[in-house]
């Protein structure tokens, strides 16, 4: 087979191959510590939205550090939510866990990242990238509600600075 024909066939096959699908935006409902229901990413439309999800109990500290750091630097131009994913809490203990978290965290405070609790874990777990399950998953949305990026990262000052540069 002629080299030009082989190249042409390879190029045609590469162009015809489907490109990987962009990540899907997770849609879920959570509850604030004062009992309000919030649907994301819909509630964040109008400005960039950063959602930091703790998938395990061990990720709580890192989720809080991400939320606080991003709220301190990006809180004026982006909406920041820290989320505790509680879908693995047994049904009989869910009410107690929600109450304990709400009491520990307190009511929402202006200028600090908002906090949500959710039992709606399927969409979040399905869209989470691989990695250490104790590292928070961070979803970055544009102001129109479309997903810009999703990553799983341990907290560090350098990682927070890098993410801040990505906020549209």
Protein backbone atom coordinates (compact mmCIF):
# COMPACT_ATOMS: atom_id res chain seq x y z
CA UNK A 1 0.00 0.00 0.00
CA UNK A 2 1.20 3.43 -0.88
CA UNK A 3 2.37 5.60 2.06
CA UNK A 4 0.11 8.50 0.98
CA UNK A 5 -2.93 6.22 0.87
CA UNK A 6 -2.11 4.75 4.30
CA UNK A 7 -1.70 8.24 5.78
CA UNK A 8 -4.97 9.34 4.20
CA UNK A 9 -6.82 6.32 5.62
CA UNK A 10 -5.32 6.87 9.09
CA UNK A 11 -6.28 10.56 9.03
CA UNK A 12 -9.82 9.72 7.90
CA UNK A 13 -10.17 7.16 10.70
CA UNK A 14 -8.87 9.63 13.29
CA UNK A 15 -11.30 12.32 12.14
CA UNK A 16 -14.20 9.88 12.14
CA UNK A 17 -13.46 8.57 15.65
CA UNK A 18 -15.75 10.06 18.25
CA UNK A 19 -14.10 12.56 20.54
CA UNK A 20 -14.42 11.86 24.25
CA UNK A 21 -17.62 13.23 25.72
CA UNK A 22 -17.19 16.30 27.91
CA UNK A 23 -17.83 15.70 31.60
CA UNK A 24 -21.48 15.91 32.55
CA UNK A 25 -22.57 18.46 35.11
CA UNK A 26 -24.00 16.81 38.20
CA UNK A 27 -27.41 18.06 39.28
CA UNK A 28 -28.33 17.51 42.91
CA UNK A 29 -30.26 18.96 45.80
CA UNK A 30 -28.79 19.72 49.19
CA UNK A 31 -29.87 21.31 52.43
CA UNK A 32 -28.21 24.22 54.25
CA UNK A 33 -27.65 24.11 57.99
CA UNK A 34 -30.70 26.33 58.46
CA UNK A 35 -32.93 23.88 56.54
CA UNK A 36 -33.19 25.61 53.14
CA UNK A 37 -33.19 23.38 50.05
CA UNK A 38 -30.72 24.30 47.29
CA UNK A 39 -30.50 22.76 43.81
CA UNK A 40 -27.12 22.92 42.12
CA UNK A 41 -25.87 24.05 39.69
CA UNK A 42 -29.14 25.89 39.01
CA UNK A 43 -28.97 28.00 42.19
CA UNK A 44 -25.54 29.29 41.23
CA UNK A 45 -26.43 30.71 37.81
CA UNK A 46 -25.46 34.28 37.16
CA UNK A 47 -21.89 34.00 38.45
CA UNK A 48 -19.23 31.28 38.45
CA UNK A 49 -19.90 28.44 40.86
CA UNK A 50 -17.39 26.28 42.72
CA UNK A 51 -18.73 23.15 44.43
CA UNK A 52 -16.34 21.24 46.70
CA UNK A 53 -17.70 17.81 47.60
CA UNK A 54 -16.42 15.68 50.44
CA UNK A 55 -17.16 12.11 49.42
CA UNK A 56 -16.07 10.58 52.75
CA UNK A 57 -16.00 11.56 56.40
CA UNK A 58 -12.20 11.78 56.20
CA UNK A 59 -12.50 14.48 53.51
CA UNK A 60 -14.39 16.91 55.77
CA UNK A 61 -11.33 18.90 56.87
CA UNK A 62 -9.99 19.30 53.33
CA UNK A 63 -13.45 20.25 52.04
CA UNK A 64 -13.70 22.98 54.68
CA UNK A 65 -10.19 24.27 53.92
CA UNK A 66 -10.98 24.45 50.18
CA UNK A 67 -14.29 26.23 50.87
CA UNK A 68 -12.80 28.76 53.26
CA UNK A 69 -9.81 29.56 51.04
CA UNK A 70 -11.89 29.98 47.89
CA UNK A 71 -14.57 32.02 49.67
CA UNK A 72 -11.88 34.34 51.05
CA UNK A 73 -10.37 34.97 47.61
CA UNK A 74 -13.20 34.38 45.15
CA UNK A 75 -16.34 34.97 47.24
CA UNK A 76 -17.16 38.28 45.56
CA UNK A 77 -17.07 36.99 42.02
CA UNK A 78 -18.05 33.32 42.49
CA UNK A 79 -20.51 31.34 44.58
CA UNK A 80 -18.76 28.73 46.73
CA UNK A 81 -20.42 25.63 48.22
CA UNK A 82 -18.85 22.98 50.39
CA UNK A 83 -20.89 19.79 50.29
CA UNK A 84 -21.00 16.83 52.66
CA UNK A 85 -22.11 13.75 50.75
CA UNK A 86 -24.09 11.69 53.25
CA UNK A 87 -25.60 9.01 51.03
CA UNK A 88 -23.69 6.24 52.81
CA UNK A 89 -25.06 7.20 56.23
CA UNK A 90 -27.58 4.54 57.29
CA UNK A 91 -31.21 5.69 57.07
CA UNK A 92 -31.84 5.43 60.81
CA UNK A 93 -28.92 7.81 61.56
CA UNK A 94 -29.47 10.42 58.84
CA UNK A 95 -31.58 12.81 60.89
CA UNK A 96 -29.12 12.68 63.78
CA UNK A 97 -26.13 13.29 61.46
CA UNK A 98 -27.83 16.27 59.79
CA UNK A 99 -28.67 17.78 63.17
CA UNK A 100 -25.12 17.23 64.49
CA UNK A 101 -23.57 18.82 61.39
CA UNK A 102 -25.93 21.79 61.49
CA UNK A 103 -25.16 22.35 65.17
CA UNK A 104 -21.40 22.00 64.65
CA UNK A 105 -21.21 24.28 61.59
CA UNK A 106 -23.88 26.77 62.55
CA UNK A 107 -26.09 28.86 60.28
CA UNK A 108 -24.86 30.21 56.94
CA UNK A 109 -22.54 33.21 57.33
CA UNK A 110 -22.20 35.91 54.64
CA UNK A 111 -18.68 36.08 53.24
CA UNK A 112 -17.96 32.44 54.06
CA UNK A 113 -18.51 29.50 51.71
CA UNK A 114 -22.00 28.03 51.95
CA UNK A 115 -22.38 24.50 53.26
CA UNK A 116 -24.78 21.85 52.00
CA UNK A 117 -25.61 18.34 53.15
CA UNK A 118 -26.96 15.91 50.59
CA UNK A 119 -28.06 12.31 50.40
CA UNK A 120 -28.28 12.67 46.59
CA UNK A 121 -24.97 10.94 45.93
CA UNK A 122 -25.44 9.08 42.66
CA UNK A 123 -24.89 12.01 40.29
CA UNK A 124 -21.92 13.26 42.30
CA UNK A 125 -20.25 9.86 42.62
CA UNK A 126 -20.87 9.04 38.93
CA UNK A 127 -19.25 12.29 37.77
CA UNK A 128 -16.28 12.19 40.17
CA UNK A 129 -12.86 11.55 38.68
CA UNK A 130 -10.73 8.74 40.05
CA UNK A 131 -8.17 9.27 42.76
CA UNK A 132 -7.93 9.15 46.53
CA UNK A 133 -11.50 8.87 47.78
CA UNK A 134 -10.65 11.07 50.79
CA UNK A 135 -9.68 14.00 48.53
CA UNK A 136 -12.56 16.39 47.79
CA UNK A 137 -14.00 16.59 44.29
CA UNK A 138 -14.16 20.13 42.94
CA UNK A 139 -16.67 21.14 40.28
CA UNK A 140 -16.16 24.48 38.53
CA UNK A 141 -19.17 25.91 36.67
CA UNK A 142 -19.42 28.89 34.35
CA UNK A 143 -21.97 31.63 35.10
CA UNK A 144 -24.42 30.00 32.64
CA UNK A 145 -24.42 26.77 34.70
CA UNK A 146 -22.31 24.71 32.32
CA UNK A 147 -19.51 22.60 33.74
CA UNK A 148 -16.05 24.00 33.06
CA UNK A 149 -13.92 21.48 34.95
CA UNK A 150 -13.97 18.74 37.55
CA UNK A 151 -10.97 17.55 39.55
CA UNK A 152 -10.15 15.61 42.70
CA UNK A 153 -7.42 17.26 44.75
CA UNK A 154 -6.03 17.34 48.24
CA UNK A 155 -5.97 20.85 49.65
CA UNK A 156 -2.79 22.91 49.48
CA UNK A 157 -2.21 26.64 49.17
CA UNK A 158 -0.64 26.04 45.74
CA UNK A 159 -3.62 23.98 44.53
CA UNK A 160 -6.03 26.68 45.77
CA UNK A 161 -4.07 29.40 43.94
CA UNK A 162 -4.09 27.31 40.78
CA UNK A 163 -7.85 26.74 40.99
CA UNK A 164 -8.51 30.43 41.65
CA UNK A 165 -6.85 31.22 38.30
CA UNK A 166 -9.34 28.89 36.60
CA UNK A 167 -12.46 30.60 37.95
CA UNK A 168 -13.97 32.46 34.97
